[in-house]
Amino acid sequence: MLDQQKENDSPEAIEQAITELERYRERIVNDLFQSAQQVDISQKTTMAKIGQNPEIMKIDAEIEKLQAQQAKLR
């Protein structure tokens, strides 16, 4: 069990997790922009709302956490 945890904490695993989270975040942002365009919401308003989106905030926090963990391993 500890060996699996060590593997999950490898720089490669952390990098992969960051990449996957960034892709997921990008998909959410794109979906929100498309939805905003359909209901004619300005890009400025959409950007403000994206910054307040709970899912985006969770993803950003997790990415920051992983980046800090990655920095410790370097």
PDB file of N, CA and C in Angstrom:
ATOM      1  N   MET A   1       0.820  -1.185   0.000  1.00  0.00           N
ATOM      2  CA  MET A   1       0.000   0.000   0.000  1.00  0.00           C
ATOM      3  C   MET A   1       0.868   1.254   0.000  1.00  0.00           C
ATOM      4  N   LEU A   2       1.903   1.282   0.815  1.00  0.00           N
ATOM      5  CA  LEU A   2       2.783   2.439   0.840  1.00  0.00           C
ATOM      6  C   LEU A   2       3.521   2.604  -0.479  1.00  0.00           C
ATOM      7  N   ASP A   3       3.846   1.477  -1.133  1.00  0.00           N
ATOM      8  CA  ASP A   3       4.513   1.558  -2.426  1.00  0.00           C
ATOM      9  C   ASP A   3       3.630   2.268  -3.442  1.00  0.00           C
ATOM     10  N   GLN A   4       2.327   1.994  -3.409  1.00  0.00           N
ATOM     11  CA  GLN A   4       1.406   2.673  -4.317  1.00  0.00           C
ATOM     12  C   GLN A   4       1.390   4.165  -4.025  1.00  0.00           C
ATOM     13  N   GLN A   5       1.375   4.542  -2.751  1.00  0.00           N
ATOM     14  CA  GLN A   5       1.374   5.956  -2.385  1.00  0.00           C
ATOM     15  C   GLN A   5       2.637   6.637  -2.883  1.00  0.00           C
ATOM     16  N   LYS A   6       3.783   5.953  -2.746  1.00  0.00           N
ATOM     17  CA  LYS A   6       5.039   6.520  -3.231  1.00  0.00           C
ATOM     18  C   LYS A   6       4.990   6.718  -4.742  1.00  0.00           C
ATOM     19  N   GLU A   7       4.414   5.752  -5.461  1.00  0.00           N
ATOM     20  CA  GLU A   7       4.286   5.876  -6.909  1.00  0.00           C
ATOM     21  C   GLU A   7       3.380   7.043  -7.271  1.00  0.00           C
ATOM     22  N   ASN A   8       2.303   7.235  -6.524  1.00  0.00           N
ATOM     23  CA  ASN A   8       1.372   8.328  -6.787  1.00  0.00           C
ATOM     24  C   ASN A   8       1.999   9.679  -6.503  1.00  0.00           C
ATOM     25  N   ASP A   9       3.023   9.710  -5.663  1.00  0.00           N
ATOM     26  CA  ASP A   9       3.701  10.946  -5.322  1.00  0.00           C
ATOM     27  C   ASP A   9       4.917  11.214  -6.204  1.00  0.00           C
ATOM     28  N   SER A  10       5.123  10.392  -7.211  1.00  0.00           N
ATOM     29  CA  SER A  10       6.268  10.598  -8.090  1.00  0.00           C
ATOM     30  C   SER A  10       6.052  11.871  -8.909  1.00  0.00           C
ATOM     31  N   PRO A  11       7.146  12.509  -9.295  1.00  0.00           N
ATOM     32  CA  PRO A  11       7.013  13.726 -10.110  1.00  0.00           C
ATOM     33  C   PRO A  11       6.190  13.494 -11.389  1.00  0.00           C
ATOM     34  N   GLU A  12       6.333  12.330 -11.981  1.00  0.00           N
ATOM     35  CA  GLU A  12       5.598  12.021 -13.206  1.00  0.00           C
ATOM     36  C   GLU A  12       4.100  11.922 -12.929  1.00  0.00           C
ATOM     37  N   ALA A  13       3.738  11.264 -11.831  1.00  0.00           N
ATOM     38  CA  ALA A  13       2.319  11.119 -11.473  1.00  0.00           C
ATOM     39  C   ALA A  13       1.710  12.477 -11.146  1.00  0.00           C
ATOM     40  N   ILE A  14       2.464  13.304 -10.460  1.00  0.00           N
ATOM     41  CA  ILE A  14       1.974  14.638 -10.118  1.00  0.00           C
ATOM     42  C   ILE A  14       1.793  15.466 -11.379  1.00  0.00           C
ATOM     43  N   GLU A  15       2.764  15.398 -12.275  1.00  0.00           N
ATOM     44  CA  GLU A  15       2.677  16.132 -13.540  1.00  0.00           C
ATOM     45  C   GLU A  15       1.465  15.677 -14.348  1.00  0.00           C
ATOM     46  N   GLN A  16       1.228  14.387 -14.390  1.00  0.00           N
ATOM     47  CA  GLN A  16       0.082  13.847 -15.119  1.00  0.00           C
ATOM     48  C   GLN A  16      -1.228  14.339 -14.492  1.00  0.00           C
ATOM     49  N   ALA A  17      -1.301  14.347 -13.180  1.00  0.00           N
ATOM     50  CA  ALA A  17      -2.507  14.815 -12.494  1.00  0.00           C
ATOM     51  C   ALA A  17      -2.749  16.295 -12.783  1.00  0.00           C
ATOM     52  N   ILE A  18      -1.697  17.089 -12.774  1.00  0.00           N
ATOM     53  CA  ILE A  18      -1.823  18.517 -13.084  1.00  0.00           C
ATOM     54  C   ILE A  18      -2.338  18.698 -14.511  1.00  0.00           C
ATOM     55  N   THR A  19      -1.766  17.965 -15.440  1.00  0.00           N
ATOM     56  CA  THR A  19      -2.175  18.063 -16.842  1.00  0.00           C
ATOM     57  C   THR A  19      -3.647  17.695 -17.018  1.00  0.00           C
ATOM     58  N   GLU A  20      -4.072  16.617 -16.369  1.00  0.00           N
ATOM     59  CA  GLU A  20      -5.468  16.196 -16.466  1.00  0.00           C
ATOM     60  C   GLU A  20      -6.409  17.230 -15.861  1.00  0.00           C
ATOM     61  N   LEU A  21      -6.030  17.808 -14.735  1.00  0.00           N
ATOM     62  CA  LEU A  21      -6.855  18.845 -14.116  1.00  0.00           C
ATOM     63  C   LEU A  21      -6.932  20.092 -15.001  1.00  0.00           C
ATOM     64  N   GLU A  22      -5.814  20.458 -15.615  1.00  0.00           N
ATOM     65  CA  GLU A  22      -5.816  21.620 -16.502  1.00  0.00           C
ATOM     66  C   GLU A  22      -6.718  21.386 -17.714  1.00  0.00           C
ATOM     67  N   ARG A  23      -6.686  20.181 -18.258  1.00  0.00           N
ATOM     68  CA  ARG A  23      -7.565  19.855 -19.388  1.00  0.00           C
ATOM     69  C   ARG A  23      -9.032  19.905 -18.970  1.00  0.00           C
ATOM     70  N   TYR A  24      -9.327  19.346 -17.809  1.00  0.00           N
ATOM     71  CA  TYR A  24     -10.693  19.361 -17.291  1.00  0.00           C
ATOM     72  C   TYR A  24     -11.159  20.799 -17.072  1.00  0.00           C
ATOM     73  N   ARG A  25     -10.293  21.629 -16.505  1.00  0.00           N
ATOM     74  CA  ARG A  25     -10.619  23.038 -16.268  1.00  0.00           C
ATOM     75  C   ARG A  25     -10.900  23.738 -17.592  1.00  0.00           C
ATOM     76  N   GLU A  26     -10.079  23.474 -18.577  1.00  0.00           N
ATOM     77  CA  GLU A  26     -10.253  24.096 -19.893  1.00  0.00           C
ATOM     78  C   GLU A  26     -11.595  23.703 -20.516  1.00  0.00           C
ATOM     79  N   ARG A  27     -11.975  22.437 -20.377  1.00  0.00           N
ATOM     80  CA  ARG A  27     -13.269  21.993 -20.900  1.00  0.00           C
ATOM     81  C   ARG A  27     -14.422  22.732 -20.217  1.00  0.00           C
ATOM     82  N   ILE A  28     -14.340  22.881 -18.910  1.00  0.00           N
ATOM     83  CA  ILE A  28     -15.384  23.587 -18.172  1.00  0.00           C
ATOM     84  C   ILE A  28     -15.461  25.044 -18.627  1.00  0.00           C
ATOM     85  N   VAL A  29     -14.311  25.700 -18.733  1.00  0.00           N
ATOM     86  CA  VAL A  29     -14.275  27.096 -19.160  1.00  0.00           C
ATOM     87  C   VAL A  29     -14.870  27.234 -20.559  1.00  0.00           C
ATOM     88  N   ASN A  30     -14.487  26.361 -21.470  1.00  0.00           N
ATOM     89  CA  ASN A  30     -15.027  26.411 -22.831  1.00  0.00           C
ATOM     90  C   ASN A  30     -16.538  26.222 -22.830  1.00  0.00           C
ATOM     91  N   ASP A  31     -17.026  25.273 -22.041  1.00  0.00           N
ATOM     92  CA  ASP A  31     -18.466  25.040 -21.946  1.00  0.00           C
ATOM     93  C   ASP A  31     -19.190  26.269 -21.396  1.00  0.00           C
ATOM     94  N   LEU A  32     -18.595  26.897 -20.389  1.00  0.00           N
ATOM     95  CA  LEU A  32     -19.205  28.092 -19.816  1.00  0.00           C
ATOM     96  C   LEU A  32     -19.228  29.234 -20.830  1.00  0.00           C
ATOM     97  N   PHE A  33     -18.160  29.393 -21.604  1.00  0.00           N
ATOM     98  CA  PHE A  33     -18.137  30.433 -22.631  1.00  0.00           C
ATOM     99  C   PHE A  33     -19.190  30.173 -23.704  1.00  0.00           C
ATOM    100  N   GLN A  34     -19.314  28.932 -24.120  1.00  0.00           N
ATOM    101  CA  GLN A  34     -20.322  28.596 -25.126  1.00  0.00           C
ATOM    102  C   GLN A  34     -21.721  28.867 -24.610  1.00  0.00           C
ATOM    103  N   SER A  35     -21.980  28.499 -23.376  1.00  0.00           N
ATOM    104  CA  SER A  35     -23.291  28.750 -22.773  1.00  0.00           C
ATOM    105  C   SER A  35     -23.556  30.250 -22.661  1.00  0.00           C
ATOM    106  N   ALA A  36     -22.541  31.003 -22.279  1.00  0.00           N
ATOM    107  CA  ALA A  36     -22.690  32.452 -22.139  1.00  0.00           C
ATOM    108  C   ALA A  36     -22.977  33.103 -23.483  1.00  0.00           C
ATOM    109  N   GLN A  37     -22.330  32.623 -24.529  1.00  0.00           N
ATOM    110  CA  GLN A  37     -22.570  33.172 -25.862  1.00  0.00           C
ATOM    111  C   GLN A  37     -24.000  32.910 -26.312  1.00  0.00           C
ATOM    112  N   GLN A  38     -24.522  31.757 -25.964  1.00  0.00           N
ATOM    113  CA  GLN A  38     -25.882  31.406 -26.374  1.00  0.00           C
ATOM    114  C   GLN A  38     -26.926  32.309 -25.737  1.00  0.00           C
ATOM    115  N   VAL A  39     -26.642  32.787 -24.534  1.00  0.00           N
ATOM    116  CA  VAL A  39     -27.602  33.673 -23.856  1.00  0.00           C
ATOM    117  C   VAL A  39     -27.140  35.124 -23.892  1.00  0.00           C
ATOM    118  N   ASP A  40     -26.140  35.406 -24.721  1.00  0.00           N
ATOM    119  CA  ASP A  40     -25.652  36.759 -24.982  1.00  0.00           C
ATOM    120  C   ASP A  40     -25.158  37.472 -23.723  1.00  0.00           C
ATOM    121  N   ILE A  41     -24.269  36.808 -22.986  1.00  0.00           N
ATOM    122  CA  ILE A  41     -23.609  37.410 -21.831  1.00  0.00           C
ATOM    123  C   ILE A  41     -22.228  37.863 -22.291  1.00  0.00           C
ATOM    124  N   SER A  42     -21.818  39.042 -21.862  1.00  0.00           N
ATOM    125  CA  SER A  42     -20.526  39.589 -22.306  1.00  0.00           C
ATOM    126  C   SER A  42     -19.367  38.717 -21.825  1.00  0.00           C
ATOM    127  N   GLN A  43     -18.261  38.818 -22.552  1.00  0.00           N
ATOM    128  CA  GLN A  43     -17.071  38.041 -22.206  1.00  0.00           C
ATOM    129  C   GLN A  43     -16.531  38.482 -20.846  1.00  0.00           C
ATOM    130  N   LYS A  44     -16.594  39.771 -20.557  1.00  0.00           N
ATOM    131  CA  LYS A  44     -16.113  40.290 -19.277  1.00  0.00           C
ATOM    132  C   LYS A  44     -16.924  39.705 -18.116  1.00  0.00           C
ATOM    133  N   THR A  45     -18.224  39.678 -18.258  1.00  0.00           N
ATOM    134  CA  THR A  45     -19.093  39.110 -17.222  1.00  0.00           C
ATOM    135  C   THR A  45     -18.841  37.618 -17.071  1.00  0.00           C
ATOM    136  N   THR A  46     -18.668  36.945 -18.192  1.00  0.00           N
ATOM    137  CA  THR A  46     -18.413  35.509 -18.173  1.00  0.00           C
ATOM    138  C   THR A  46     -17.110  35.211 -17.439  1.00  0.00           C
ATOM    139  N   MET A  47     -16.070  35.992 -17.719  1.00  0.00           N
ATOM    140  CA  MET A  47     -14.782  35.785 -17.054  1.00  0.00           C
ATOM    141  C   MET A  47     -14.923  35.972 -15.542  1.00  0.00           C
ATOM    142  N   ALA A  48     -15.682  36.966 -15.128  1.00  0.00           N
ATOM    143  CA  ALA A  48     -15.885  37.201 -13.693  1.00  0.00           C
ATOM    144  C   ALA A  48     -16.613  36.018 -13.054  1.00  0.00           C
ATOM    145  N   LYS A  49     -17.601  35.501 -13.757  1.00  0.00           N
ATOM    146  CA  LYS A  49     -18.367  34.366 -13.231  1.00  0.00           C
ATOM    147  C   LYS A  49     -17.515  33.097 -13.185  1.00  0.00           C
ATOM    148  N   ILE A  50     -16.666  32.919 -14.159  1.00  0.00           N
ATOM    149  CA  ILE A  50     -15.797  31.736 -14.189  1.00  0.00           C
ATOM    150  C   ILE A  50     -14.878  31.741 -12.971  1.00  0.00           C
ATOM    151  N   GLY A  51     -14.359  32.905 -12.630  1.00  0.00           N
ATOM    152  CA  GLY A  51     -13.487  33.017 -11.472  1.00  0.00           C
ATOM    153  C   GLY A  51     -14.183  32.687 -10.161  1.00  0.00           C
ATOM    154  N   GLN A  52     -15.502  32.771 -10.147  1.00  0.00           N
ATOM    155  CA  GLN A  52     -16.286  32.484  -8.948  1.00  0.00           C
ATOM    156  C   GLN A  52     -16.925  31.098  -8.984  1.00  0.00           C
ATOM    157  N   ASN A  53     -16.751  30.377 -10.066  1.00  0.00           N
ATOM    158  CA  ASN A  53     -17.355  29.054 -10.217  1.00  0.00           C
ATOM    159  C   ASN A  53     -16.743  28.087  -9.209  1.00  0.00           C
ATOM    160  N   PRO A  54     -17.570  27.433  -8.373  1.00  0.00           N
ATOM    161  CA  PRO A  54     -17.032  26.539  -7.334  1.00  0.00           C
ATOM    162  C   PRO A  54     -16.170  25.402  -7.882  1.00  0.00           C
ATOM    163  N   GLU A  55     -16.556  24.849  -9.003  1.00  0.00           N
ATOM    164  CA  GLU A  55     -15.784  23.741  -9.583  1.00  0.00           C
ATOM    165  C   GLU A  55     -14.416  24.234 -10.051  1.00  0.00           C
ATOM    166  N   ILE A  56     -14.391  25.389 -10.693  1.00  0.00           N
ATOM    167  CA  ILE A  56     -13.127  25.979 -11.137  1.00  0.00           C
ATOM    168  C   ILE A  56     -12.245  26.289  -9.930  1.00  0.00           C
ATOM    169  N   MET A  57     -12.839  26.809  -8.877  1.00  0.00           N
ATOM    170  CA  MET A  57     -12.076  27.138  -7.675  1.00  0.00           C
ATOM    171  C   MET A  57     -11.464  25.884  -7.049  1.00  0.00           C
ATOM    172  N   LYS A  58     -12.204  24.780  -7.040  1.00  0.00           N
ATOM    173  CA  LYS A  58     -11.681  23.512  -6.506  1.00  0.00           C
ATOM    174  C   LYS A  58     -10.519  23.012  -7.353  1.00  0.00           C
ATOM    175  N   ILE A  59     -10.696  23.081  -8.663  1.00  0.00           N
ATOM    176  CA  ILE A  59      -9.644  22.621  -9.574  1.00  0.00           C
ATOM    177  C   ILE A  59      -8.386  23.468  -9.394  1.00  0.00           C
ATOM    178  N   ASP A  60      -8.552  24.783  -9.345  1.00  0.00           N
ATOM    179  CA  ASP A  60      -7.399  25.674  -9.170  1.00  0.00           C
ATOM    180  C   ASP A  60      -6.670  25.388  -7.857  1.00  0.00           C
ATOM    181  N   ALA A  61      -7.432  25.164  -6.803  1.00  0.00           N
ATOM    182  CA  ALA A  61      -6.826  24.868  -5.497  1.00  0.00           C
ATOM    183  C   ALA A  61      -6.048  23.557  -5.547  1.00  0.00           C
ATOM    184  N   GLU A  62      -6.608  22.564  -6.210  1.00  0.00           N
ATOM    185  CA  GLU A  62      -5.933  21.268  -6.313  1.00  0.00           C
ATOM    186  C   GLU A  62      -4.671  21.382  -7.158  1.00  0.00           C
ATOM    187  N   ILE A  63      -4.733  22.155  -8.243  1.00  0.00           N
ATOM    188  CA  ILE A  63      -3.552  22.357  -9.085  1.00  0.00           C
ATOM    189  C   ILE A  63      -2.448  23.043  -8.272  1.00  0.00           C
ATOM    190  N   GLU A  64      -2.815  24.058  -7.505  1.00  0.00           N
ATOM    191  CA  GLU A  64      -1.821  24.746  -6.673  1.00  0.00           C
ATOM    192  C   GLU A  64      -1.207  23.795  -5.650  1.00  0.00           C
ATOM    193  N   LYS A  65      -2.030  22.964  -5.057  1.00  0.00           N
ATOM    194  CA  LYS A  65      -1.549  21.979  -4.075  1.00  0.00           C
ATOM    195  C   LYS A  65      -0.559  21.009  -4.725  1.00  0.00           C
ATOM    196  N   LEU A  66      -0.913  20.518  -5.905  1.00  0.00           N
ATOM    197  CA  LEU A  66      -0.033  19.583  -6.610  1.00  0.00           C
ATOM    198  C   LEU A  66       1.265  20.260  -7.046  1.00  0.00           C
ATOM    199  N   GLN A  67       1.180  21.515  -7.477  1.00  0.00           N
ATOM    200  CA  GLN A  67       2.382  22.233  -7.880  1.00  0.00           C
ATOM    201  C   GLN A  67       3.318  22.449  -6.699  1.00  0.00           C
ATOM    202  N   ALA A  68       2.754  22.725  -5.526  1.00  0.00           N
ATOM    203  CA  ALA A  68       3.579  22.876  -4.327  1.00  0.00           C
ATOM    204  C   ALA A  68       4.244  21.555  -3.973  1.00  0.00           C
ATOM    205  N   GLN A  69       3.485  20.466  -4.090  1.00  0.00           N
ATOM    206  CA  GLN A  69       4.035  19.139  -3.815  1.00  0.00           C
ATOM    207  C   GLN A  69       5.123  18.811  -4.825  1.00  0.00           C
ATOM    208  N   GLN A  70       4.906  19.169  -6.059  1.00  0.00           N
ATOM    209  CA  GLN A  70       5.894  18.933  -7.111  1.00  0.00           C
ATOM    210  C   GLN A  70       7.168  19.723  -6.841  1.00  0.00           C
ATOM    211  N   ALA A  71       7.032  20.962  -6.399  1.00  0.00           N
ATOM    212  CA  ALA A  71       8.198  21.791  -6.102  1.00  0.00           C
ATOM    213  C   ALA A  71       9.033  21.203  -4.973  1.00  0.00           C
ATOM    214  N   LYS A  72       8.378  20.591  -4.006  1.00  0.00           N
ATOM    215  CA  LYS A  72       9.111  19.965  -2.888  1.00  0.00           C
ATOM    216  C   LYS A  72       9.942  18.782  -3.363  1.00  0.00           C
ATOM    217  N   LEU A  73       9.490  18.109  -4.409  1.00  0.00           N
ATOM    218  CA  LEU A  73      10.187  16.933  -4.907  1.00  0.00           C
ATOM    219  C   LEU A  73      11.370  17.296  -5.799  1.00  0.00           C
ATOM    220  N   ARG A  74      11.436  18.516  -6.220  1.00  0.00           N
ATOM    221  CA  ARG A  74      12.536  18.933  -7.121  1.00  0.00           C
ATOM    222  C   ARG A  74      13.738  19.350  -6.377  1.00  0.00           C
TER     223      ARG A  74
END
